[in-house]
């Protein structure tokens, strides 16, 4: 796979990353699609409405909404991107529509929001990246593959091998350790970004429930 691999949201277009350190399958849909059990599907609806059916029920999703579904699912109508983390069982999650900017600080004046957080430390997560106008993001790498989708705006992904124009509805995969940076001009850029791993999240020994449970001290006899 090239350092930056862009592709359209055409029906059933797939990028097979099952040989990766974090086995992943990326699938675009435009119409109806079914995805099998055996992992958790993280997805974003770029054009709706889409009907999502799974073990948790049937739900109507509009453009800008996102999901995480363990097990099999079916999608009826609309278009978007689904990223399957194979052999991983996450929580069922629906959210959105996404906001216009992130709530967390990122490099070079960019912001980020954690849309679907890791259930446990090291688990996959889904993010929203906001890149302001007139940004020249510092060239950087990630230690694992990244999967993304342009929600709105325009810009370029700049790599040592070339410059790739970015526009709404364009999906992409960035290889692990590939040098890249996002550049914008007059428009901001809003990007869905999937990480197959994380260095953040709760552990059995450290999480809000146990950390914020205060036991009274026993008085000495």
N, C-alpha and C. Protein backbone atom coordinates (compact mmCIF):
# COMPACT_ATOMS: atom_id res chain seq x y z
N UNK A 1 0.84 -1.19 0.00
CA UNK A 1 0.00 0.00 0.00
C UNK A 1 0.88 1.25 0.00
N UNK A 2 0.47 2.25 -0.80
CA UNK A 2 1.21 3.51 -0.83
C UNK A 2 1.04 4.28 0.47
N UNK A 3 1.89 5.29 0.67
CA UNK A 3 1.85 6.06 1.92
C UNK A 3 0.48 6.71 2.12
N UNK A 4 -0.10 7.26 1.04
CA UNK A 4 -1.42 7.88 1.10
C UNK A 4 -2.27 7.29 -0.01
N UNK A 5 -3.35 6.62 0.37
CA UNK A 5 -4.19 5.92 -0.61
C UNK A 5 -5.60 6.50 -0.56
N UNK A 6 -5.97 7.38 -1.52
CA UNK A 6 -7.33 7.94 -1.54
C UNK A 6 -8.27 7.06 -2.37
N UNK A 7 -9.58 7.11 -2.05
CA UNK A 7 -10.56 6.38 -2.85
C UNK A 7 -11.94 7.00 -2.65
N UNK A 8 -12.82 6.71 -3.62
CA UNK A 8 -14.16 7.28 -3.64
C UNK A 8 -15.12 6.45 -2.78
N UNK A 9 -16.23 7.08 -2.40
CA UNK A 9 -17.29 6.37 -1.69
C UNK A 9 -18.22 5.69 -2.69
N UNK A 10 -17.64 4.84 -3.52
CA UNK A 10 -18.43 4.03 -4.45
C UNK A 10 -18.84 2.75 -3.74
N UNK A 11 -19.91 2.13 -4.20
CA UNK A 11 -20.47 0.98 -3.49
C UNK A 11 -19.48 -0.17 -3.40
N UNK A 12 -19.31 -0.67 -2.17
CA UNK A 12 -18.53 -1.87 -1.88
C UNK A 12 -17.05 -1.76 -2.24
N UNK A 13 -16.52 -0.56 -2.39
CA UNK A 13 -15.08 -0.39 -2.54
C UNK A 13 -14.42 -0.79 -1.22
N UNK A 14 -13.43 -1.67 -1.28
CA UNK A 14 -12.81 -2.20 -0.07
C UNK A 14 -11.30 -2.00 -0.10
N UNK A 15 -10.75 -1.75 1.07
CA UNK A 15 -9.31 -1.77 1.27
C UNK A 15 -9.04 -2.83 2.33
N UNK A 16 -8.34 -3.88 1.95
CA UNK A 16 -8.11 -5.02 2.82
C UNK A 16 -6.80 -4.84 3.57
N UNK A 17 -6.90 -4.61 4.88
CA UNK A 17 -5.71 -4.44 5.72
C UNK A 17 -5.62 -5.56 6.75
N UNK A 18 -6.13 -6.73 6.39
CA UNK A 18 -6.13 -7.83 7.36
C UNK A 18 -4.73 -8.36 7.64
N UNK A 19 -3.76 -8.04 6.80
CA UNK A 19 -2.38 -8.45 7.05
C UNK A 19 -1.65 -7.45 7.96
N UNK A 20 -2.30 -6.36 8.28
CA UNK A 20 -1.70 -5.33 9.14
C UNK A 20 -1.57 -5.85 10.57
N UNK A 21 -0.74 -5.15 11.35
CA UNK A 21 -0.59 -5.49 12.77
C UNK A 21 -1.92 -5.41 13.51
N UNK A 22 -2.81 -4.53 13.04
CA UNK A 22 -4.16 -4.42 13.58
C UNK A 22 -5.12 -4.76 12.43
N UNK A 23 -5.53 -6.03 12.29
CA UNK A 23 -6.32 -6.45 11.13
C UNK A 23 -7.58 -5.61 10.95
N UNK A 24 -7.71 -5.00 9.77
CA UNK A 24 -8.76 -4.03 9.50
C UNK A 24 -9.26 -4.21 8.07
N UNK A 25 -10.55 -4.00 7.87
CA UNK A 25 -11.13 -3.95 6.53
C UNK A 25 -11.90 -2.64 6.41
N UNK A 26 -11.63 -1.88 5.36
CA UNK A 26 -12.29 -0.60 5.12
C UNK A 26 -13.25 -0.77 3.94
N UNK A 27 -14.51 -0.39 4.12
CA UNK A 27 -15.52 -0.59 3.08
C UNK A 27 -16.35 0.67 2.91
N UNK A 28 -16.43 1.16 1.67
CA UNK A 28 -17.33 2.27 1.36
C UNK A 28 -18.69 1.71 0.95
N UNK A 29 -19.75 2.46 1.25
CA UNK A 29 -21.06 2.04 0.75
C UNK A 29 -21.77 3.23 0.11
N UNK A 30 -22.55 2.92 -0.92
CA UNK A 30 -23.42 3.89 -1.57
C UNK A 30 -24.65 3.11 -2.01
N UNK A 31 -25.61 2.99 -1.13
CA UNK A 31 -26.77 2.14 -1.35
C UNK A 31 -26.95 1.18 -0.21
N UNK A 32 -27.09 -0.10 -0.52
CA UNK A 32 -27.31 -1.12 0.51
C UNK A 32 -26.04 -1.97 0.68
N UNK A 33 -25.78 -2.37 1.91
CA UNK A 33 -24.60 -3.18 2.18
C UNK A 33 -24.80 -3.95 3.48
N UNK A 34 -24.21 -5.14 3.55
CA UNK A 34 -24.19 -5.92 4.78
C UNK A 34 -22.75 -6.24 5.14
N UNK A 35 -22.45 -6.21 6.45
CA UNK A 35 -21.12 -6.55 6.94
C UNK A 35 -21.26 -7.68 7.95
N UNK A 36 -20.34 -8.65 7.90
CA UNK A 36 -20.50 -9.86 8.72
C UNK A 36 -20.06 -9.66 10.16
N UNK A 37 -20.35 -10.66 10.99
CA UNK A 37 -19.85 -10.70 12.36
C UNK A 37 -18.35 -11.00 12.33
N UNK A 38 -17.74 -10.96 13.49
CA UNK A 38 -16.31 -11.24 13.57
C UNK A 38 -15.46 -10.04 13.92
N UNK A 39 -16.10 -8.92 14.23
CA UNK A 39 -15.38 -7.71 14.59
C UNK A 39 -16.35 -6.62 14.99
N UNK A 40 -15.83 -5.40 15.10
CA UNK A 40 -16.67 -4.22 15.38
C UNK A 40 -16.53 -3.26 14.22
N UNK A 41 -17.67 -2.76 13.73
CA UNK A 41 -17.71 -1.87 12.57
C UNK A 41 -17.87 -0.43 13.06
N UNK A 42 -16.89 0.41 12.75
CA UNK A 42 -16.96 1.84 13.03
C UNK A 42 -17.34 2.53 11.72
N UNK A 43 -18.33 3.44 11.76
CA UNK A 43 -18.76 4.03 10.52
C UNK A 43 -19.22 5.46 10.64
N UNK A 44 -19.28 6.12 9.47
CA UNK A 44 -19.73 7.51 9.39
C UNK A 44 -20.63 7.64 8.18
N UNK A 45 -21.77 8.30 8.37
CA UNK A 45 -22.72 8.54 7.29
C UNK A 45 -22.39 9.88 6.65
N UNK A 46 -21.92 9.85 5.41
CA UNK A 46 -21.60 11.11 4.72
C UNK A 46 -22.81 11.67 4.01
N UNK A 47 -23.65 10.80 3.47
CA UNK A 47 -24.90 11.22 2.84
C UNK A 47 -26.03 10.32 3.28
N UNK A 48 -27.06 10.90 3.85
CA UNK A 48 -28.15 10.09 4.38
C UNK A 48 -29.47 10.43 3.73
N UNK A 49 -30.55 9.85 4.26
CA UNK A 49 -30.55 9.00 5.45
C UNK A 49 -30.09 7.57 5.13
N UNK A 50 -29.63 6.90 6.18
CA UNK A 50 -29.24 5.50 6.11
C UNK A 50 -29.97 4.75 7.22
N UNK A 51 -30.50 3.59 6.90
CA UNK A 51 -31.10 2.73 7.91
C UNK A 51 -30.06 1.71 8.35
N UNK A 52 -29.76 1.71 9.64
CA UNK A 52 -28.82 0.77 10.22
C UNK A 52 -29.58 -0.30 10.98
N UNK A 53 -29.37 -1.55 10.63
CA UNK A 53 -29.98 -2.65 11.33
C UNK A 53 -28.92 -3.57 11.93
N UNK A 54 -29.10 -3.93 13.20
CA UNK A 54 -28.14 -4.80 13.87
C UNK A 54 -28.84 -5.45 15.06
N UNK A 55 -28.10 -6.18 15.88
CA UNK A 55 -28.70 -6.88 17.01
C UNK A 55 -29.35 -5.93 18.00
N UNK A 56 -28.91 -4.68 18.04
CA UNK A 56 -29.47 -3.70 18.98
C UNK A 56 -30.76 -3.07 18.49
N UNK A 57 -31.12 -3.27 17.21
CA UNK A 57 -32.34 -2.70 16.69
C UNK A 57 -32.14 -2.09 15.32
N UNK A 58 -33.11 -1.31 14.89
CA UNK A 58 -33.07 -0.62 13.60
C UNK A 58 -33.12 0.88 13.86
N UNK A 59 -32.22 1.61 13.21
CA UNK A 59 -32.05 3.03 13.52
C UNK A 59 -31.92 3.82 12.21
N UNK A 60 -32.51 5.02 12.21
CA UNK A 60 -32.40 5.92 11.06
C UNK A 60 -31.30 6.94 11.35
N UNK A 61 -30.28 6.93 10.51
CA UNK A 61 -29.14 7.83 10.68
C UNK A 61 -29.15 8.87 9.57
N UNK A 62 -28.88 10.11 9.95
CA UNK A 62 -28.78 11.19 8.98
C UNK A 62 -27.31 11.53 8.73
N UNK A 63 -27.06 12.35 7.72
CA UNK A 63 -25.68 12.73 7.38
C UNK A 63 -25.02 13.39 8.60
N UNK A 64 -23.77 13.00 8.84
CA UNK A 64 -23.02 13.55 9.97
C UNK A 64 -23.07 12.68 11.21
N UNK A 65 -23.84 11.58 11.16
CA UNK A 65 -23.90 10.69 12.31
C UNK A 65 -22.87 9.56 12.16
N UNK A 66 -22.52 8.95 13.29
CA UNK A 66 -21.49 7.91 13.29
C UNK A 66 -21.94 6.76 14.19
N UNK A 67 -21.26 5.61 14.05
CA UNK A 67 -21.68 4.43 14.81
C UNK A 67 -20.50 3.51 15.08
N UNK A 68 -20.69 2.66 16.08
CA UNK A 68 -19.82 1.52 16.33
C UNK A 68 -20.74 0.34 16.63
N UNK A 69 -20.61 -0.74 15.87
CA UNK A 69 -21.52 -1.87 15.98
C UNK A 69 -20.71 -3.16 16.06
N UNK A 70 -20.74 -3.88 17.19
CA UNK A 70 -20.13 -5.20 17.23
C UNK A 70 -21.04 -6.23 16.56
N UNK A 71 -20.46 -7.16 15.83
CA UNK A 71 -21.27 -8.16 15.15
C UNK A 71 -21.73 -7.70 13.78
N UNK A 72 -22.65 -8.44 13.20
CA UNK A 72 -23.10 -8.15 11.84
C UNK A 72 -24.01 -6.92 11.82
N UNK A 73 -24.09 -6.29 10.65
CA UNK A 73 -24.99 -5.16 10.45
C UNK A 73 -25.44 -5.10 9.01
N UNK A 74 -26.51 -4.34 8.77
CA UNK A 74 -26.95 -4.05 7.41
C UNK A 74 -27.20 -2.55 7.30
N UNK A 75 -26.86 -1.99 6.16
CA UNK A 75 -27.05 -0.58 5.87
C UNK A 75 -27.94 -0.47 4.65
N UNK A 76 -28.96 0.38 4.74
CA UNK A 76 -29.89 0.56 3.64
C UNK A 76 -29.93 2.04 3.28
N UNK A 77 -29.44 2.35 2.09
CA UNK A 77 -29.49 3.72 1.60
C UNK A 77 -28.33 4.57 2.08
N UNK A 78 -28.24 5.77 1.51
CA UNK A 78 -27.18 6.70 1.88
C UNK A 78 -25.82 6.26 1.39
N UNK A 79 -24.80 6.93 1.91
CA UNK A 79 -23.43 6.57 1.56
C UNK A 79 -22.52 6.94 2.73
N UNK A 80 -21.42 6.24 2.82
CA UNK A 80 -20.49 6.52 3.91
C UNK A 80 -19.34 5.54 3.91
N UNK A 81 -18.70 5.45 5.06
CA UNK A 81 -17.51 4.64 5.20
C UNK A 81 -17.62 3.81 6.46
N UNK A 82 -17.28 2.51 6.35
CA UNK A 82 -17.26 1.61 7.50
C UNK A 82 -15.86 1.02 7.64
N UNK A 83 -15.36 1.00 8.86
CA UNK A 83 -14.04 0.46 9.17
C UNK A 83 -14.23 -0.68 10.16
N UNK A 84 -13.84 -1.88 9.78
CA UNK A 84 -14.04 -3.05 10.61
C UNK A 84 -12.76 -3.42 11.33
N UNK A 85 -12.80 -3.37 12.66
CA UNK A 85 -11.69 -3.86 13.49
C UNK A 85 -11.95 -5.34 13.74
N UNK A 86 -11.22 -6.19 13.03
CA UNK A 86 -11.48 -7.62 13.13
C UNK A 86 -11.07 -8.16 14.50
N UNK A 87 -11.84 -9.15 14.98
CA UNK A 87 -11.57 -9.86 16.24
C UNK A 87 -11.65 -8.94 17.46
N UNK A 88 -12.30 -7.78 17.32
CA UNK A 88 -12.45 -6.85 18.44
C UNK A 88 -13.93 -6.68 18.73
N UNK A 89 -14.30 -6.74 20.02
CA UNK A 89 -15.68 -6.50 20.40
C UNK A 89 -15.78 -5.21 21.20
N UNK A 90 -16.27 -4.19 20.55
CA UNK A 90 -16.47 -2.91 21.20
C UNK A 90 -17.88 -2.77 21.73
N UNK A 91 -18.23 -1.58 22.17
CA UNK A 91 -19.59 -1.27 22.60
C UNK A 91 -20.42 -0.77 21.42
N UNK A 92 -21.72 -1.04 21.45
CA UNK A 92 -22.64 -0.42 20.50
C UNK A 92 -22.72 1.06 20.80
N UNK A 93 -22.64 1.88 19.75
CA UNK A 93 -22.55 3.33 19.96
C UNK A 93 -23.15 4.04 18.75
N UNK A 94 -24.03 5.02 19.00
CA UNK A 94 -24.53 5.92 17.97
C UNK A 94 -24.28 7.35 18.42
N UNK A 95 -23.92 8.23 17.49
CA UNK A 95 -23.70 9.62 17.88
C UNK A 95 -23.81 10.56 16.69
N UNK A 96 -23.75 11.85 17.00
CA UNK A 96 -23.78 12.86 15.97
C UNK A 96 -25.15 13.53 15.87
N UNK A 97 -25.27 14.45 14.89
CA UNK A 97 -24.25 14.84 13.91
C UNK A 97 -23.02 15.47 14.56
N UNK A 98 -21.89 15.41 13.85
CA UNK A 98 -20.64 15.93 14.39
C UNK A 98 -20.69 17.46 14.49
N UNK A 99 -19.87 17.99 15.37
CA UNK A 99 -19.76 19.44 15.56
C UNK A 99 -18.82 20.04 14.52
N UNK A 100 -18.78 21.38 14.48
CA UNK A 100 -17.97 22.08 13.48
C UNK A 100 -16.50 22.18 13.85
N UNK A 101 -16.15 21.89 15.09
CA UNK A 101 -14.75 21.96 15.53
C UNK A 101 -14.53 20.96 16.64
N UNK A 102 -13.27 20.64 16.88
CA UNK A 102 -12.94 19.71 17.95
C UNK A 102 -12.89 20.40 19.31
N UNK A 103 -12.88 19.60 20.36
CA UNK A 103 -12.85 20.13 21.73
C UNK A 103 -11.49 19.93 22.40
N UNK A 104 -10.57 19.25 21.70
CA UNK A 104 -9.26 18.97 22.26
C UNK A 104 -8.18 19.61 21.38
N UNK A 105 -7.10 20.02 22.00
CA UNK A 105 -6.01 20.65 21.26
C UNK A 105 -5.25 19.61 20.45
N UNK A 106 -4.87 19.98 19.22
CA UNK A 106 -4.02 19.14 18.38
C UNK A 106 -2.91 20.01 17.82
N UNK A 107 -2.05 19.46 17.01
CA UNK A 107 -0.88 20.19 16.52
C UNK A 107 -1.27 21.34 15.60
N UNK A 108 -0.43 22.39 15.60
CA UNK A 108 -0.52 23.50 14.64
C UNK A 108 -1.87 24.19 14.63
N UNK A 109 -2.50 24.33 15.80
CA UNK A 109 -3.76 25.04 15.89
C UNK A 109 -4.97 24.22 15.50
N UNK A 110 -4.79 22.95 15.19
CA UNK A 110 -5.91 22.07 14.87
C UNK A 110 -6.57 21.59 16.16
N UNK A 111 -7.79 21.08 16.03
CA UNK A 111 -8.50 20.53 17.19
C UNK A 111 -9.07 19.16 16.85
N UNK A 112 -9.44 18.43 17.89
CA UNK A 112 -9.88 17.06 17.73
C UNK A 112 -10.95 16.75 18.78
N UNK A 113 -11.89 15.88 18.42
CA UNK A 113 -12.85 15.34 19.39
C UNK A 113 -12.81 13.82 19.31
N UNK A 114 -12.90 13.19 20.46
CA UNK A 114 -12.93 11.73 20.53
C UNK A 114 -14.39 11.30 20.46
N UNK A 115 -14.82 10.82 19.29
CA UNK A 115 -16.23 10.49 19.08
C UNK A 115 -16.59 9.15 19.70
N UNK A 116 -15.80 8.12 19.42
CA UNK A 116 -16.00 6.79 20.02
C UNK A 116 -14.71 6.45 20.76
N UNK A 117 -14.70 6.59 22.08
CA UNK A 117 -13.46 6.38 22.84
C UNK A 117 -13.11 4.91 22.98
N UNK A 118 -11.87 4.59 23.29
CA UNK A 118 -11.50 3.19 23.54
C UNK A 118 -12.20 2.66 24.79
N UNK A 119 -12.72 1.44 24.70
CA UNK A 119 -13.34 0.82 25.86
C UNK A 119 -12.28 0.53 26.92
N UNK A 120 -11.13 0.05 26.48
CA UNK A 120 -9.99 -0.21 27.35
C UNK A 120 -8.74 0.40 26.72
N UNK A 121 -7.75 0.66 27.53
CA UNK A 121 -6.47 1.17 27.04
C UNK A 121 -5.97 0.31 25.88
N UNK A 122 -5.65 0.95 24.76
CA UNK A 122 -5.14 0.24 23.61
C UNK A 122 -6.17 -0.08 22.55
N UNK A 123 -7.47 0.08 22.87
CA UNK A 123 -8.52 -0.26 21.92
C UNK A 123 -8.64 0.77 20.79
N UNK A 124 -9.35 0.43 19.70
CA UNK A 124 -9.57 1.39 18.62
C UNK A 124 -10.40 2.59 19.07
N UNK A 125 -10.33 3.67 18.28
CA UNK A 125 -11.15 4.86 18.56
C UNK A 125 -11.46 5.59 17.26
N UNK A 126 -12.53 6.38 17.30
CA UNK A 126 -12.96 7.18 16.16
C UNK A 126 -12.92 8.65 16.56
N UNK A 127 -12.34 9.48 15.69
CA UNK A 127 -12.07 10.88 16.03
C UNK A 127 -12.60 11.83 14.97
N UNK A 128 -12.77 13.08 15.36
CA UNK A 128 -13.11 14.17 14.45
C UNK A 128 -11.99 15.19 14.49
N UNK A 129 -11.35 15.42 13.36
CA UNK A 129 -10.23 16.36 13.26
C UNK A 129 -10.68 17.62 12.53
N UNK A 130 -10.41 18.78 13.13
CA UNK A 130 -10.72 20.07 12.51
C UNK A 130 -9.41 20.80 12.21
N UNK A 131 -9.24 21.19 10.94
CA UNK A 131 -8.04 21.91 10.51
C UNK A 131 -8.47 23.29 10.03
N UNK A 132 -8.05 24.36 10.70
CA UNK A 132 -8.51 25.71 10.35
C UNK A 132 -8.00 26.16 8.98
N UNK A 133 -8.59 27.24 8.44
CA UNK A 133 -8.06 27.80 7.19
C UNK A 133 -6.60 28.24 7.36
N UNK A 134 -5.88 28.25 6.24
CA UNK A 134 -4.50 28.74 6.18
C UNK A 134 -3.56 27.98 7.13
N UNK A 135 -3.80 26.68 7.24
CA UNK A 135 -2.95 25.83 8.07
C UNK A 135 -1.93 25.11 7.19
N UNK A 136 -0.70 25.05 7.66
CA UNK A 136 0.34 24.23 7.05
C UNK A 136 0.81 23.28 8.14
N UNK A 137 0.14 22.15 8.22
CA UNK A 137 0.40 21.21 9.31
C UNK A 137 1.82 20.67 9.21
N UNK A 138 2.51 20.59 10.34
CA UNK A 138 3.86 20.04 10.36
C UNK A 138 3.84 18.60 9.87
N UNK A 139 4.83 18.26 9.04
CA UNK A 139 4.95 16.87 8.58
C UNK A 139 5.14 15.96 9.79
N UNK A 140 4.39 14.86 9.83
CA UNK A 140 4.43 13.98 10.99
C UNK A 140 4.08 12.55 10.57
N UNK A 141 4.23 11.62 11.49
CA UNK A 141 3.88 10.22 11.23
C UNK A 141 2.99 9.71 12.37
N UNK A 142 2.42 8.53 12.16
CA UNK A 142 1.67 7.81 13.19
C UNK A 142 2.22 6.39 13.27
N UNK A 143 2.24 5.80 14.46
CA UNK A 143 2.82 4.45 14.58
C UNK A 143 1.93 3.34 14.08
N UNK A 144 0.70 3.66 13.67
CA UNK A 144 -0.22 2.66 13.13
C UNK A 144 -0.99 3.29 11.98
N UNK A 145 -1.66 2.46 11.20
CA UNK A 145 -2.41 2.94 10.05
C UNK A 145 -3.51 3.91 10.49
N UNK A 146 -3.86 4.85 9.61
CA UNK A 146 -4.97 5.76 9.83
C UNK A 146 -5.94 5.65 8.67
N UNK A 147 -7.24 5.68 8.99
CA UNK A 147 -8.28 5.68 7.97
C UNK A 147 -9.09 6.95 8.15
N UNK A 148 -9.37 7.66 7.05
CA UNK A 148 -10.06 8.93 7.18
C UNK A 148 -11.10 9.15 6.11
N UNK A 149 -11.94 10.16 6.35
CA UNK A 149 -12.97 10.58 5.40
C UNK A 149 -13.14 12.08 5.53
N UNK A 150 -13.10 12.78 4.40
CA UNK A 150 -13.31 14.23 4.41
C UNK A 150 -14.81 14.51 4.54
N UNK A 151 -15.18 15.16 5.64
CA UNK A 151 -16.59 15.50 5.88
C UNK A 151 -16.97 16.74 5.09
N UNK A 152 -16.19 17.78 5.21
CA UNK A 152 -16.41 19.00 4.42
C UNK A 152 -15.13 19.83 4.40
N UNK A 153 -15.14 20.81 3.48
CA UNK A 153 -13.96 21.64 3.31
C UNK A 153 -13.05 21.12 2.21
N UNK A 154 -11.88 21.73 2.08
CA UNK A 154 -10.93 21.34 1.05
C UNK A 154 -9.52 21.59 1.54
N UNK A 155 -8.57 21.00 0.84
CA UNK A 155 -7.17 21.15 1.21
C UNK A 155 -6.33 20.14 0.46
N UNK A 156 -5.16 19.84 1.01
CA UNK A 156 -4.25 18.88 0.41
C UNK A 156 -3.60 18.05 1.50
N UNK A 157 -3.29 16.79 1.16
CA UNK A 157 -2.39 16.00 1.99
C UNK A 157 -1.03 16.02 1.30
N UNK A 158 -0.04 16.50 1.99
CA UNK A 158 1.30 16.67 1.41
C UNK A 158 2.19 15.56 1.94
N UNK A 159 2.78 14.78 1.03
CA UNK A 159 3.68 13.69 1.38
C UNK A 159 4.97 13.83 0.58
N UNK A 160 6.03 13.13 0.95
CA UNK A 160 7.26 13.17 0.14
C UNK A 160 7.03 12.69 -1.29
N UNK A 161 5.99 11.87 -1.51
CA UNK A 161 5.72 11.36 -2.85
C UNK A 161 4.77 12.19 -3.68
N UNK A 162 4.21 13.27 -3.13
CA UNK A 162 3.29 14.09 -3.89
C UNK A 162 2.26 14.79 -3.02
N UNK A 163 1.43 15.59 -3.68
CA UNK A 163 0.36 16.33 -3.01
C UNK A 163 -0.97 15.80 -3.51
N UNK A 164 -1.89 15.52 -2.58
CA UNK A 164 -3.16 14.90 -2.93
C UNK A 164 -4.30 15.84 -2.56
N UNK A 165 -5.11 16.27 -3.53
CA UNK A 165 -6.24 17.16 -3.22
C UNK A 165 -7.30 16.46 -2.37
N UNK A 166 -7.88 17.20 -1.44
CA UNK A 166 -8.88 16.67 -0.52
C UNK A 166 -10.19 17.42 -0.73
N UNK A 167 -11.29 16.67 -0.77
CA UNK A 167 -12.62 17.26 -0.97
C UNK A 167 -13.65 16.40 -0.24
N UNK A 168 -14.83 16.94 0.01
CA UNK A 168 -15.85 16.18 0.73
C UNK A 168 -16.18 14.86 0.05
N UNK A 169 -16.29 13.80 0.86
CA UNK A 169 -16.63 12.49 0.35
C UNK A 169 -15.45 11.65 -0.06
N UNK A 170 -14.23 12.20 0.01
CA UNK A 170 -13.04 11.42 -0.33
C UNK A 170 -12.56 10.68 0.91
N UNK A 171 -12.37 9.37 0.77
CA UNK A 171 -11.83 8.55 1.86
C UNK A 171 -10.36 8.28 1.59
N UNK A 172 -9.64 7.89 2.64
CA UNK A 172 -8.21 7.63 2.44
C UNK A 172 -7.68 6.72 3.54
N UNK A 173 -6.55 6.09 3.24
CA UNK A 173 -5.78 5.31 4.20
C UNK A 173 -4.36 5.84 4.19
N UNK A 174 -3.81 6.10 5.38
CA UNK A 174 -2.42 6.53 5.53
C UNK A 174 -1.66 5.38 6.18
N UNK A 175 -0.60 4.92 5.52
CA UNK A 175 0.17 3.79 6.04
C UNK A 175 0.89 4.16 7.33
N UNK A 176 1.13 3.18 8.16
CA UNK A 176 1.89 3.40 9.40
C UNK A 176 3.26 3.98 9.07
N UNK A 177 3.68 4.97 9.86
CA UNK A 177 4.99 5.61 9.75
C UNK A 177 5.18 6.42 8.48
N UNK A 178 4.11 6.69 7.73
CA UNK A 178 4.20 7.48 6.51
C UNK A 178 4.20 8.97 6.85
N UNK A 179 5.16 9.71 6.34
CA UNK A 179 5.28 11.14 6.60
C UNK A 179 4.21 11.89 5.80
N UNK A 180 3.48 12.79 6.47
CA UNK A 180 2.41 13.51 5.80
C UNK A 180 2.03 14.75 6.61
N UNK A 181 1.29 15.65 5.99
CA UNK A 181 0.73 16.82 6.68
C UNK A 181 -0.43 17.35 5.87
N UNK A 182 -1.45 17.91 6.55
CA UNK A 182 -2.61 18.46 5.87
C UNK A 182 -2.44 19.99 5.75
N UNK A 183 -2.73 20.50 4.55
CA UNK A 183 -2.65 21.93 4.29
C UNK A 183 -4.02 22.45 3.86
N UNK A 184 -4.38 23.63 4.33
CA UNK A 184 -5.63 24.27 3.91
C UNK A 184 -5.35 25.67 3.41
N UNK A 185 -6.29 26.21 2.64
CA UNK A 185 -6.22 27.60 2.19
C UNK A 185 -7.35 28.39 2.84
N UNK A 186 -8.36 28.76 2.10
CA UNK A 186 -9.40 29.63 2.66
C UNK A 186 -10.47 28.85 3.43
N UNK A 187 -10.58 27.56 3.20
CA UNK A 187 -11.62 26.77 3.86
C UNK A 187 -11.03 25.92 4.97
N UNK A 188 -11.79 25.72 6.05
CA UNK A 188 -11.37 24.73 7.04
C UNK A 188 -11.61 23.33 6.49
N UNK A 189 -11.02 22.36 7.14
CA UNK A 189 -11.16 20.96 6.74
C UNK A 189 -11.65 20.16 7.94
N UNK A 190 -12.70 19.38 7.73
CA UNK A 190 -13.26 18.54 8.79
C UNK A 190 -13.11 17.09 8.36
N UNK A 191 -12.45 16.29 9.21
CA UNK A 191 -12.04 14.94 8.82
C UNK A 191 -12.43 13.94 9.91
N UNK A 192 -13.04 12.83 9.50
CA UNK A 192 -13.21 11.68 10.39
C UNK A 192 -11.92 10.87 10.34
N UNK A 193 -11.38 10.50 11.51
CA UNK A 193 -10.12 9.76 11.56
C UNK A 193 -10.26 8.56 12.49
N UNK A 194 -9.97 7.38 11.96
CA UNK A 194 -10.02 6.14 12.73
C UNK A 194 -8.61 5.71 13.10
N UNK A 195 -8.42 5.38 14.39
CA UNK A 195 -7.16 4.84 14.89
C UNK A 195 -7.41 3.39 15.32
N UNK A 196 -6.61 2.43 14.87
CA UNK A 196 -6.83 1.04 15.28
C UNK A 196 -6.33 0.72 16.68
N UNK A 197 -5.61 1.66 17.28
CA UNK A 197 -5.07 1.46 18.62
C UNK A 197 -5.03 2.81 19.33
N UNK A 198 -4.76 2.78 20.62
CA UNK A 198 -4.68 4.02 21.40
C UNK A 198 -3.74 3.83 22.57
N UNK A 199 -3.14 4.94 23.01
CA UNK A 199 -2.31 4.89 24.23
C UNK A 199 -3.07 5.56 25.37
N UNK A 200 -4.40 5.54 25.26
CA UNK A 200 -5.29 6.23 26.20
C UNK A 200 -6.48 5.32 26.45
N UNK A 201 -7.01 5.36 27.66
CA UNK A 201 -8.21 4.60 27.96
C UNK A 201 -8.15 4.00 29.35
N UNK A 202 -9.28 3.54 29.86
CA UNK A 202 -9.33 2.97 31.21
C UNK A 202 -8.65 1.61 31.27
N UNK A 203 -8.21 1.26 32.47
CA UNK A 203 -7.69 -0.07 32.76
C UNK A 203 -8.46 -0.61 33.95
N UNK A 204 -8.37 -1.92 34.23
CA UNK A 204 -9.08 -2.46 35.40
C UNK A 204 -8.69 -1.79 36.71
N UNK A 205 -7.47 -1.26 36.76
CA UNK A 205 -6.99 -0.63 37.99
C UNK A 205 -7.21 0.87 38.02
N UNK A 206 -7.47 1.48 36.87
CA UNK A 206 -7.58 2.94 36.80
C UNK A 206 -8.73 3.33 35.87
N UNK A 207 -9.85 3.74 36.49
CA UNK A 207 -11.00 4.21 35.74
C UNK A 207 -11.86 5.04 36.67
N UNK A 208 -12.77 5.88 36.13
CA UNK A 208 -13.49 6.84 36.98
C UNK A 208 -14.26 6.22 38.13
N UNK A 209 -14.85 5.06 37.93
CA UNK A 209 -15.65 4.47 39.00
C UNK A 209 -14.80 4.16 40.23
N UNK A 210 -13.67 3.46 39.99
CA UNK A 210 -12.84 3.10 41.14
C UNK A 210 -12.05 4.31 41.67
N UNK A 211 -11.62 5.20 40.76
CA UNK A 211 -10.83 6.35 41.20
C UNK A 211 -11.64 7.33 42.04
N UNK A 212 -12.93 7.41 41.77
CA UNK A 212 -13.77 8.38 42.49
C UNK A 212 -14.64 7.69 43.55
N UNK A 213 -14.25 6.52 43.97
CA UNK A 213 -14.90 5.84 45.09
C UNK A 213 -13.99 5.96 46.30
N UNK A 214 -14.45 6.70 47.33
CA UNK A 214 -13.64 7.00 48.50
C UNK A 214 -14.15 6.16 49.66
N UNK A 215 -13.31 5.32 50.18
CA UNK A 215 -13.65 4.51 51.34
C UNK A 215 -13.19 5.23 52.59
N UNK A 216 -14.03 5.30 53.63
CA UNK A 216 -13.61 5.98 54.87
C UNK A 216 -12.46 5.22 55.51
N UNK A 217 -11.57 5.99 56.15
CA UNK A 217 -10.47 5.37 56.87
C UNK A 217 -11.00 4.71 58.14
N UNK A 218 -10.47 3.56 58.42
CA UNK A 218 -10.86 2.90 59.66
C UNK A 218 -10.15 3.56 60.84
N UNK A 219 -10.95 3.89 61.85
CA UNK A 219 -10.36 4.54 63.04
C UNK A 219 -9.56 3.52 63.83
N UNK A 220 -8.45 3.99 64.33
CA UNK A 220 -7.61 3.11 65.15
C UNK A 220 -8.28 2.86 66.50
N UNK A 221 -8.14 1.63 66.98
CA UNK A 221 -8.72 1.27 68.30
C UNK A 221 -7.92 1.92 69.41
